């Protein structure tokens, strides 16, 4: 009996070791492009395409970062990206919270049908809606303005679904106690539901900020003025028809990832909780 127990113990240890080796290997493969980007950002242009590939630069050139910022008004580009990303994120947190609360708690005719139709819009590719959205914005004279990047993203079917699933895990007894104390539905939402939903709200905020901050195609379509370009459009200035300045492009790309990394690490605890709990159902 002891031999059998030892056998299972060794098997479990071996299984655990193999799983950890596999996970660390995948983690290394995932982070390698990011490390290569950082190292390339401090290399000389002549060292980037040498064969065999050279990971470490012969001389660290932080001048690439200075040259990248001098090549284009990146301060303005960053400000535009932050304004758009923060505005859309705040807008989605407000609209998705209200819609999710309505679908999760309020009783009205056709609620589930409307929710499923609303959810079905997630299956429509974004490319299909680009032309109609552009025409509507053009009709109101909003093209070539930051409003054209903010307004279309103020509502989200994914965000509504994510928050609805989380709201459904909150015990109804908490709301009933608030109603007994004389709270209205608005007060229940603001003082009971929202404070208990920080993990889901943080998850939605991170997803939204990342998506908007990294968006390139829609900004390319709507923005023409140099002073209204976002970071992603600014990075495209390093790519020419015949030449790409890879050292400056990588330096700009490294700085473009910093806001996203900062937000993720700040809200990491809530993010993991939100991903875990949003899939639960009461």
C-alpha atoms as a PDB file:
ATOM      1  CA  UNK A   1       0.000   0.000   0.000  1.00  0.00           C
ATOM      2  CA  UNK A   2       2.838   2.365   0.852  1.00  0.00           C
ATOM      3  CA  UNK A   3       4.503   1.578  -2.487  1.00  0.00           C
ATOM      4  CA  UNK A   4       1.297   2.511  -4.314  1.00  0.00           C
ATOM      5  CA  UNK A   5       1.012   5.791  -2.376  1.00  0.00           C
ATOM      6  CA  UNK A   6       4.640   6.640  -3.162  1.00  0.00           C
ATOM      7  CA  UNK A   7       4.032   5.822  -6.818  1.00  0.00           C
ATOM      8  CA  UNK A   8       1.044   8.200  -7.003  1.00  0.00           C
ATOM      9  CA  UNK A   9       3.030  10.835  -5.092  1.00  0.00           C
ATOM     10  CA  UNK A  10       5.886  10.671  -7.623  1.00  0.00           C
ATOM     11  CA  UNK A  11       3.405  10.760 -10.499  1.00  0.00           C
ATOM     12  CA  UNK A  12       1.744  13.870  -9.083  1.00  0.00           C
ATOM     13  CA  UNK A  13       5.116  15.547  -8.551  1.00  0.00           C
ATOM     14  CA  UNK A  14       6.219  14.670 -12.101  1.00  0.00           C
ATOM     15  CA  UNK A  15       2.927  15.957 -13.495  1.00  0.00           C
ATOM     16  CA  UNK A  16       3.272  19.204 -11.563  1.00  0.00           C
ATOM     17  CA  UNK A  17       6.871  19.671 -12.758  1.00  0.00           C
ATOM     18  CA  UNK A  18       5.902  19.085 -16.401  1.00  0.00           C
ATOM     19  CA  UNK A  19       2.993  21.524 -16.164  1.00  0.00           C
ATOM     20  CA  UNK A  20       5.246  24.188 -14.653  1.00  0.00           C
ATOM     21  CA  UNK A  21       7.908  23.633 -17.318  1.00  0.00           C
ATOM     22  CA  UNK A  22       5.259  23.966 -20.033  1.00  0.00           C
ATOM     23  CA  UNK A  23       3.793  27.129 -18.470  1.00  0.00           C
ATOM     24  CA  UNK A  24       7.205  28.777 -18.048  1.00  0.00           C
ATOM     25  CA  UNK A  25       8.126  27.848 -21.626  1.00  0.00           C
ATOM     26  CA  UNK A  26       4.927  29.427 -22.969  1.00  0.00           C
ATOM     27  CA  UNK A  27       5.499  32.488 -20.775  1.00  0.00           C
ATOM     28  CA  UNK A  28       9.019  32.907 -22.186  1.00  0.00           C
ATOM     29  CA  UNK A  29       7.745  32.537 -25.762  1.00  0.00           C
ATOM     30  CA  UNK A  30       5.061  35.133 -25.058  1.00  0.00           C
ATOM     31  CA  UNK A  31       7.415  37.709 -23.564  1.00  0.00           C
ATOM     32  CA  UNK A  32      10.249  37.228 -26.100  1.00  0.00           C
ATOM     33  CA  UNK A  33       8.803  39.643 -28.724  1.00  0.00           C
ATOM     34  CA  UNK A  34       8.445  42.320 -26.036  1.00  0.00           C
ATOM     35  CA  UNK A  35      12.049  41.810 -24.882  1.00  0.00           C
ATOM     36  CA  UNK A  36      13.229  41.919 -28.509  1.00  0.00           C
ATOM     37  CA  UNK A  37      11.331  45.204 -28.998  1.00  0.00           C
ATOM     38  CA  UNK A  38      12.997  46.758 -25.926  1.00  0.00           C
ATOM     39  CA  UNK A  39      16.484  45.614 -26.986  1.00  0.00           C
ATOM     40  CA  UNK A  40      15.931  46.766 -30.572  1.00  0.00           C
ATOM     41  CA  UNK A  41      14.881  50.194 -29.316  1.00  0.00           C
ATOM     42  CA  UNK A  42      18.412  50.796 -27.964  1.00  0.00           C
ATOM     43  CA  UNK A  43      20.322  49.305 -30.906  1.00  0.00           C
ATOM     44  CA  UNK A  44      22.004  51.033 -33.793  1.00  0.00           C
ATOM     45  CA  UNK A  45      20.199  50.582 -37.110  1.00  0.00           C
ATOM     46  CA  UNK A  46      23.137  48.548 -38.450  1.00  0.00           C
ATOM     47  CA  UNK A  47      22.773  45.941 -35.692  1.00  0.00           C
ATOM     48  CA  UNK A  48      19.090  45.159 -36.165  1.00  0.00           C
ATOM     49  CA  UNK A  49      19.319  42.886 -39.221  1.00  0.00           C
ATOM     50  CA  UNK A  50      22.676  41.224 -38.653  1.00  0.00           C
ATOM     51  CA  UNK A  51      22.883  37.455 -39.117  1.00  0.00           C
ATOM     52  CA  UNK A  52      22.961  35.506 -36.906  1.00  0.00           C
ATOM     53  CA  UNK A  53      20.581  37.690 -34.865  1.00  0.00           C
ATOM     54  CA  UNK A  54      22.225  39.646 -32.084  1.00  0.00           C
ATOM     55  CA  UNK A  55      20.150  40.041 -28.927  1.00  0.00           C
ATOM     56  CA  UNK A  56      22.305  42.470 -26.978  1.00  0.00           C
ATOM     57  CA  UNK A  57      23.459  45.730 -28.584  1.00  0.00           C
ATOM     58  CA  UNK A  58      27.157  46.550 -28.796  1.00  0.00           C
ATOM     59  CA  UNK A  59      26.335  50.007 -27.494  1.00  0.00           C
ATOM     60  CA  UNK A  60      23.130  51.061 -25.763  1.00  0.00           C
ATOM     61  CA  UNK A  61      21.625  54.028 -27.634  1.00  0.00           C
ATOM     62  CA  UNK A  62      19.043  55.845 -25.525  1.00  0.00           C
ATOM     63  CA  UNK A  63      19.370  58.569 -28.139  1.00  0.00           C
ATOM     64  CA  UNK A  64      16.806  56.584 -30.160  1.00  0.00           C
ATOM     65  CA  UNK A  65      14.096  57.657 -27.698  1.00  0.00           C
ATOM     66  CA  UNK A  66      15.084  61.307 -27.977  1.00  0.00           C
ATOM     67  CA  UNK A  67      15.207  61.093 -31.788  1.00  0.00           C
ATOM     68  CA  UNK A  68      11.807  59.386 -31.860  1.00  0.00           C
ATOM     69  CA  UNK A  69      10.202  62.173 -29.835  1.00  0.00           C
ATOM     70  CA  UNK A  70      11.915  64.833 -31.934  1.00  0.00           C
ATOM     71  CA  UNK A  71      10.842  63.240 -35.212  1.00  0.00           C
ATOM     72  CA  UNK A  72       7.162  63.939 -34.509  1.00  0.00           C
ATOM     73  CA  UNK A  73       5.072  65.770 -31.879  1.00  0.00           C
ATOM     74  CA  UNK A  74       4.608  62.666 -29.742  1.00  0.00           C
ATOM     75  CA  UNK A  75       3.592  64.703 -26.710  1.00  0.00           C
ATOM     76  CA  UNK A  76       0.500  65.839 -28.620  1.00  0.00           C
ATOM     77  CA  UNK A  77      -0.111  62.325 -29.926  1.00  0.00           C
ATOM     78  CA  UNK A  78       0.019  60.885 -26.393  1.00  0.00           C
ATOM     79  CA  UNK A  79      -2.352  63.542 -25.091  1.00  0.00           C
ATOM     80  CA  UNK A  80      -4.840  62.817 -27.886  1.00  0.00           C
ATOM     81  CA  UNK A  81      -4.664  59.062 -27.230  1.00  0.00           C
ATOM     82  CA  UNK A  82      -5.147  59.535 -23.486  1.00  0.00           C
ATOM     83  CA  UNK A  83      -8.099  61.899 -23.993  1.00  0.00           C
ATOM     84  CA  UNK A  84      -9.814  59.450 -26.350  1.00  0.00           C
ATOM     85  CA  UNK A  85      -9.017  56.309 -24.311  1.00  0.00           C
ATOM     86  CA  UNK A  86     -10.043  57.805 -20.956  1.00  0.00           C
ATOM     87  CA  UNK A  87     -13.228  59.352 -22.396  1.00  0.00           C
ATOM     88  CA  UNK A  88     -14.344  56.096 -24.012  1.00  0.00           C
ATOM     89  CA  UNK A  89     -13.459  54.083 -20.904  1.00  0.00           C
ATOM     90  CA  UNK A  90     -15.419  56.406 -18.621  1.00  0.00           C
ATOM     91  CA  UNK A  91     -18.340  56.453 -21.050  1.00  0.00           C
ATOM     92  CA  UNK A  92     -18.497  52.665 -21.240  1.00  0.00           C
ATOM     93  CA  UNK A  93     -18.333  52.291 -17.470  1.00  0.00           C
ATOM     94  CA  UNK A  94     -21.370  54.580 -17.168  1.00  0.00           C
ATOM     95  CA  UNK A  95     -23.512  53.283 -20.047  1.00  0.00           C
ATOM     96  CA  UNK A  96     -22.656  49.603 -19.575  1.00  0.00           C
ATOM     97  CA  UNK A  97     -23.340  49.774 -15.826  1.00  0.00           C
ATOM     98  CA  UNK A  98     -26.811  51.200 -16.385  1.00  0.00           C
ATOM     99  CA  UNK A  99     -27.646  48.777 -19.200  1.00  0.00           C
ATOM    100  CA  UNK A 100     -26.279  45.785 -17.280  1.00  0.00           C
ATOM    101  CA  UNK A 101     -28.307  46.693 -14.187  1.00  0.00           C
ATOM    102  CA  UNK A 102     -31.462  46.951 -16.294  1.00  0.00           C
ATOM    103  CA  UNK A 103     -30.885  43.547 -17.890  1.00  0.00           C
ATOM    104  CA  UNK A 104     -29.852  41.884 -14.604  1.00  0.00           C
ATOM    105  CA  UNK A 105     -32.390  43.270 -12.134  1.00  0.00           C
ATOM    106  CA  UNK A 106     -35.239  45.245 -13.701  1.00  0.00           C
ATOM    107  CA  UNK A 107     -38.322  43.371 -14.847  1.00  0.00           C
ATOM    108  CA  UNK A 108     -39.881  44.572 -18.099  1.00  0.00           C
ATOM    109  CA  UNK A 109     -41.555  42.992 -21.111  1.00  0.00           C
ATOM    110  CA  UNK A 110     -39.157  41.571 -23.683  1.00  0.00           C
ATOM    111  CA  UNK A 111     -36.105  42.065 -21.481  1.00  0.00           C
ATOM    112  CA  UNK A 112     -34.419  38.769 -22.362  1.00  0.00           C
ATOM    113  CA  UNK A 113     -35.227  39.087 -26.085  1.00  0.00           C
ATOM    114  CA  UNK A 114     -33.747  42.589 -26.202  1.00  0.00           C
ATOM    115  CA  UNK A 115     -30.679  41.371 -24.326  1.00  0.00           C
ATOM    116  CA  UNK A 116     -30.088  38.489 -26.743  1.00  0.00           C
ATOM    117  CA  UNK A 117     -30.498  40.811 -29.742  1.00  0.00           C
ATOM    118  CA  UNK A 118     -28.110  43.255 -28.098  1.00  0.00           C
ATOM    119  CA  UNK A 119     -25.688  40.403 -27.437  1.00  0.00           C
ATOM    120  CA  UNK A 120     -26.021  39.274 -31.056  1.00  0.00           C
ATOM    121  CA  UNK A 121     -24.437  42.516 -32.231  1.00  0.00           C
ATOM    122  CA  UNK A 122     -21.111  41.174 -30.909  1.00  0.00           C
ATOM    123  CA  UNK A 123     -21.103  38.748 -33.859  1.00  0.00           C
ATOM    124  CA  UNK A 124     -21.136  41.613 -36.388  1.00  0.00           C
ATOM    125  CA  UNK A 125     -17.550  42.362 -37.506  1.00  0.00           C
ATOM    126  CA  UNK A 126     -16.381  45.887 -36.776  1.00  0.00           C
ATOM    127  CA  UNK A 127     -15.360  46.307 -40.428  1.00  0.00           C
ATOM    128  CA  UNK A 128     -19.006  45.973 -41.481  1.00  0.00           C
ATOM    129  CA  UNK A 129     -20.108  48.941 -39.373  1.00  0.00           C
ATOM    130  CA  UNK A 130     -17.212  51.253 -40.274  1.00  0.00           C
ATOM    131  CA  UNK A 131     -18.762  52.766 -43.409  1.00  0.00           C
ATOM    132  CA  UNK A 132     -22.234  53.410 -41.874  1.00  0.00           C
ATOM    133  CA  UNK A 133     -20.619  54.907 -38.766  1.00  0.00           C
ATOM    134  CA  UNK A 134     -18.378  57.108 -40.906  1.00  0.00           C
ATOM    135  CA  UNK A 135     -21.366  58.347 -42.921  1.00  0.00           C
ATOM    136  CA  UNK A 136     -23.309  59.228 -39.755  1.00  0.00           C
ATOM    137  CA  UNK A 137     -20.351  61.075 -38.235  1.00  0.00           C
ATOM    138  CA  UNK A 138     -19.700  62.852 -41.525  1.00  0.00           C
ATOM    139  CA  UNK A 139     -23.335  63.993 -41.650  1.00  0.00           C
ATOM    140  CA  UNK A 140     -22.902  65.697 -38.283  1.00  0.00           C
ATOM    141  CA  UNK A 141     -19.537  67.178 -39.279  1.00  0.00           C
ATOM    142  CA  UNK A 142     -17.548  65.208 -36.707  1.00  0.00           C
ATOM    143  CA  UNK A 143     -14.907  63.727 -39.020  1.00  0.00           C
ATOM    144  CA  UNK A 144     -11.338  64.896 -38.335  1.00  0.00           C
ATOM    145  CA  UNK A 145     -12.083  65.548 -34.684  1.00  0.00           C
ATOM    146  CA  UNK A 146     -11.531  63.587 -31.493  1.00  0.00           C
ATOM    147  CA  UNK A 147     -15.324  63.247 -31.192  1.00  0.00           C
ATOM    148  CA  UNK A 148     -15.235  60.827 -34.141  1.00  0.00           C
ATOM    149  CA  UNK A 149     -13.003  58.535 -32.063  1.00  0.00           C
ATOM    150  CA  UNK A 150     -14.922  58.932 -28.789  1.00  0.00           C
ATOM    151  CA  UNK A 151     -18.655  58.842 -29.625  1.00  0.00           C
ATOM    152  CA  UNK A 152     -18.808  55.445 -31.458  1.00  0.00           C
ATOM    153  CA  UNK A 153     -17.181  53.720 -28.476  1.00  0.00           C
ATOM    154  CA  UNK A 154     -19.313  55.085 -25.647  1.00  0.00           C
ATOM    155  CA  UNK A 155     -21.459  51.930 -25.526  1.00  0.00           C
ATOM    156  CA  UNK A 156     -20.432  48.285 -25.714  1.00  0.00           C
ATOM    157  CA  UNK A 157     -22.339  45.014 -25.953  1.00  0.00           C
ATOM    158  CA  UNK A 158     -19.372  43.138 -24.493  1.00  0.00           C
ATOM    159  CA  UNK A 159     -19.154  45.516 -21.533  1.00  0.00           C
ATOM    160  CA  UNK A 160     -22.878  45.199 -20.870  1.00  0.00           C
ATOM    161  CA  UNK A 161     -22.659  41.407 -20.969  1.00  0.00           C
ATOM    162  CA  UNK A 162     -19.604  41.334 -18.694  1.00  0.00           C
ATOM    163  CA  UNK A 163     -21.194  43.570 -16.045  1.00  0.00           C
ATOM    164  CA  UNK A 164     -24.590  41.868 -16.275  1.00  0.00           C
ATOM    165  CA  UNK A 165     -23.028  38.503 -15.500  1.00  0.00           C
ATOM    166  CA  UNK A 166     -21.265  39.998 -12.505  1.00  0.00           C
ATOM    167  CA  UNK A 167     -24.352  41.839 -11.245  1.00  0.00           C
ATOM    168  CA  UNK A 168     -26.285  38.559 -11.273  1.00  0.00           C
ATOM    169  CA  UNK A 169     -23.852  37.099  -8.723  1.00  0.00           C
ATOM    170  CA  UNK A 170     -24.631  39.853  -6.183  1.00  0.00           C
ATOM    171  CA  UNK A 171     -27.212  38.628  -3.611  1.00  0.00           C
ATOM    172  CA  UNK A 172     -30.625  40.229  -4.063  1.00  0.00           C
ATOM    173  CA  UNK A 173     -30.997  40.418  -0.290  1.00  0.00           C
ATOM    174  CA  UNK A 174     -28.594  43.381  -0.272  1.00  0.00           C
ATOM    175  CA  UNK A 175     -30.838  45.291  -2.666  1.00  0.00           C
ATOM    176  CA  UNK A 176     -33.981  44.337  -0.753  1.00  0.00           C
ATOM    177  CA  UNK A 177     -32.428  45.676   2.467  1.00  0.00           C
ATOM    178  CA  UNK A 178     -31.678  48.948   0.671  1.00  0.00           C
ATOM    179  CA  UNK A 179     -35.265  49.167  -0.621  1.00  0.00           C
ATOM    180  CA  UNK A 180     -36.574  48.638   2.933  1.00  0.00           C
ATOM    181  CA  UNK A 181     -34.435  51.601   4.030  1.00  0.00           C
ATOM    182  CA  UNK A 182     -36.143  53.725   1.383  1.00  0.00           C
ATOM    183  CA  UNK A 183     -33.511  53.636  -1.370  1.00  0.00           C
ATOM    184  CA  UNK A 184     -34.555  54.165  -4.993  1.00  0.00           C
ATOM    185  CA  UNK A 185     -33.296  52.050  -7.910  1.00  0.00           C
ATOM    186  CA  UNK A 186     -30.710  54.716  -8.739  1.00  0.00           C
ATOM    187  CA  UNK A 187     -29.468  54.726  -5.169  1.00  0.00           C
ATOM    188  CA  UNK A 188     -29.269  50.929  -5.141  1.00  0.00           C
ATOM    189  CA  UNK A 189     -27.210  50.996  -8.322  1.00  0.00           C
ATOM    190  CA  UNK A 190     -24.854  53.733  -7.119  1.00  0.00           C
ATOM    191  CA  UNK A 191     -24.512  52.755  -3.461  1.00  0.00           C
ATOM    192  CA  UNK A 192     -24.886  48.960  -3.492  1.00  0.00           C
ATOM    193  CA  UNK A 193     -24.200  47.450  -6.924  1.00  0.00           C
ATOM    194  CA  UNK A 194     -21.353  49.685  -8.149  1.00  0.00           C
ATOM    195  CA  UNK A 195     -19.237  49.505  -4.950  1.00  0.00           C
ATOM    196  CA  UNK A 196     -19.518  45.695  -4.988  1.00  0.00           C
ATOM    197  CA  UNK A 197     -18.583  45.489  -8.679  1.00  0.00           C
ATOM    198  CA  UNK A 198     -15.084  46.977  -8.609  1.00  0.00           C
ATOM    199  CA  UNK A 199     -13.446  43.801 -10.039  1.00  0.00           C
ATOM    200  CA  UNK A 200     -15.763  43.719 -13.061  1.00  0.00           C
ATOM    201  CA  UNK A 201     -15.524  47.474 -13.587  1.00  0.00           C
ATOM    202  CA  UNK A 202     -11.718  47.314 -13.442  1.00  0.00           C
ATOM    203  CA  UNK A 203     -11.724  44.454 -15.960  1.00  0.00           C
ATOM    204  CA  UNK A 204     -13.931  46.388 -18.355  1.00  0.00           C
ATOM    205  CA  UNK A 205     -11.828  49.526 -17.886  1.00  0.00           C
ATOM    206  CA  UNK A 206      -8.602  47.671 -18.749  1.00  0.00           C
ATOM    207  CA  UNK A 207     -10.062  45.950 -21.815  1.00  0.00           C
ATOM    208  CA  UNK A 208     -11.598  49.184 -23.073  1.00  0.00           C
ATOM    209  CA  UNK A 209      -8.524  51.341 -22.466  1.00  0.00           C
ATOM    210  CA  UNK A 210      -6.255  48.810 -24.183  1.00  0.00           C
ATOM    211  CA  UNK A 211      -8.522  48.475 -27.198  1.00  0.00           C
ATOM    212  CA  UNK A 212      -9.017  52.203 -27.710  1.00  0.00           C
ATOM    213  CA  UNK A 213      -5.428  53.227 -26.991  1.00  0.00           C
ATOM    214  CA  UNK A 214      -4.099  50.647 -29.485  1.00  0.00           C
ATOM    215  CA  UNK A 215      -6.691  51.326 -32.195  1.00  0.00           C
ATOM    216  CA  UNK A 216      -5.170  52.243 -35.544  1.00  0.00           C
ATOM    217  CA  UNK A 217      -7.629  51.594 -38.384  1.00  0.00           C
ATOM    218  CA  UNK A 218     -10.503  53.776 -37.146  1.00  0.00           C
ATOM    219  CA  UNK A 219      -8.170  56.642 -36.248  1.00  0.00           C
ATOM    220  CA  UNK A 220      -6.548  56.352 -39.686  1.00  0.00           C
ATOM    221  CA  UNK A 221      -9.965  56.650 -41.347  1.00  0.00           C
ATOM    222  CA  UNK A 222     -11.292  59.571 -39.309  1.00  0.00           C
ATOM    223  CA  UNK A 223      -8.246  61.743 -38.535  1.00  0.00           C
ATOM    224  CA  UNK A 224      -6.465  63.858 -41.156  1.00  0.00           C
ATOM    225  CA  UNK A 225      -4.961  66.730 -39.153  1.00  0.00           C
ATOM    226  CA  UNK A 226      -1.447  66.298 -37.764  1.00  0.00           C
ATOM    227  CA  UNK A 227      -2.360  67.844 -34.399  1.00  0.00           C
ATOM    228  CA  UNK A 228      -5.214  65.356 -33.873  1.00  0.00           C
ATOM    229  CA  UNK A 229      -3.295  62.146 -34.565  1.00  0.00           C
ATOM    230  CA  UNK A 230      -3.022  59.450 -31.897  1.00  0.00           C
ATOM    231  CA  UNK A 231       0.084  57.533 -30.833  1.00  0.00           C
ATOM    232  CA  UNK A 232      -0.582  54.653 -33.227  1.00  0.00           C
ATOM    233  CA  UNK A 233      -0.841  57.027 -36.177  1.00  0.00           C
ATOM    234  CA  UNK A 234       2.294  58.790 -34.956  1.00  0.00           C
ATOM    235  CA  UNK A 235       4.250  55.516 -34.990  1.00  0.00           C
ATOM    236  CA  UNK A 236       3.341  55.111 -38.659  1.00  0.00           C
ATOM    237  CA  UNK A 237       5.473  58.165 -39.466  1.00  0.00           C
ATOM    238  CA  UNK A 238       8.555  55.950 -39.057  1.00  0.00           C
ATOM    239  CA  UNK A 239       7.399  53.719 -41.913  1.00  0.00           C
ATOM    240  CA  UNK A 240       8.025  55.017 -45.397  1.00  0.00           C
ATOM    241  CA  UNK A 241       7.382  53.491 -48.795  1.00  0.00           C
ATOM    242  CA  UNK A 242      11.028  52.560 -49.182  1.00  0.00           C
ATOM    243  CA  UNK A 243      12.462  52.688 -45.670  1.00  0.00           C
ATOM    244  CA  UNK A 244      11.378  51.836 -42.124  1.00  0.00           C
ATOM    245  CA  UNK A 245      13.290  53.373 -39.219  1.00  0.00           C
ATOM    246  CA  UNK A 246      13.096  50.290 -37.029  1.00  0.00           C
ATOM    247  CA  UNK A 247      15.195  51.687 -34.190  1.00  0.00           C
ATOM    248  CA  UNK A 248      12.950  54.750 -33.780  1.00  0.00           C
ATOM    249  CA  UNK A 249       9.795  52.702 -34.390  1.00  0.00           C
ATOM    250  CA  UNK A 250      10.715  50.273 -31.608  1.00  0.00           C
ATOM    251  CA  UNK A 251      11.576  53.150 -29.257  1.00  0.00           C
ATOM    252  CA  UNK A 252       8.174  54.715 -29.923  1.00  0.00           C
ATOM    253  CA  UNK A 253       6.441  51.357 -29.518  1.00  0.00           C
ATOM    254  CA  UNK A 254       8.063  50.795 -26.115  1.00  0.00           C
ATOM    255  CA  UNK A 255       6.824  54.152 -24.840  1.00  0.00           C
ATOM    256  CA  UNK A 256       3.364  53.450 -26.326  1.00  0.00           C
ATOM    257  CA  UNK A 257       3.006  50.314 -24.183  1.00  0.00           C
ATOM    258  CA  UNK A 258       3.848  52.062 -20.891  1.00  0.00           C
ATOM    259  CA  UNK A 259       0.360  53.514 -20.128  1.00  0.00           C
ATOM    260  CA  UNK A 260      -1.250  50.110 -20.689  1.00  0.00           C
ATOM    261  CA  UNK A 261       1.295  48.325 -18.483  1.00  0.00           C
ATOM    262  CA  UNK A 262       0.849  50.891 -15.717  1.00  0.00           C
ATOM    263  CA  UNK A 263      -2.940  50.563 -15.746  1.00  0.00           C
ATOM    264  CA  UNK A 264      -2.759  46.762 -15.818  1.00  0.00           C
ATOM    265  CA  UNK A 265      -0.383  46.474 -12.862  1.00  0.00           C
ATOM    266  CA  UNK A 266      -2.338  49.028 -10.833  1.00  0.00           C
ATOM    267  CA  UNK A 267      -5.638  47.198 -11.369  1.00  0.00           C
ATOM    268  CA  UNK A 268      -4.225  43.666 -11.639  1.00  0.00           C
ATOM    269  CA  UNK A 269      -5.944  42.349  -8.497  1.00  0.00           C
ATOM    270  CA  UNK A 270      -9.380  43.573  -9.586  1.00  0.00           C
ATOM    271  CA  UNK A 271      -8.744  42.417 -13.149  1.00  0.00           C
ATOM    272  CA  UNK A 272      -8.111  38.794 -12.123  1.00  0.00           C
ATOM    273  CA  UNK A 273     -11.140  38.804  -9.799  1.00  0.00           C
ATOM    274  CA  UNK A 274     -13.333  40.228 -12.541  1.00  0.00           C
ATOM    275  CA  UNK A 275     -12.289  37.594 -15.083  1.00  0.00           C
ATOM    276  CA  UNK A 276     -12.913  34.837 -12.530  1.00  0.00           C
ATOM    277  CA  UNK A 277     -16.274  36.012 -11.229  1.00  0.00           C
ATOM    278  CA  UNK A 278     -17.895  37.479 -14.349  1.00  0.00           C
ATOM    279  CA  UNK A 279     -18.528  34.030 -15.758  1.00  0.00           C
ATOM    280  CA  UNK A 280     -20.512  32.923 -12.722  1.00  0.00           C
ATOM    281  CA  UNK A 281     -24.286  32.885 -12.660  1.00  0.00           C
ATOM    282  CA  UNK A 282     -26.658  33.077  -9.750  1.00  0.00           C
END
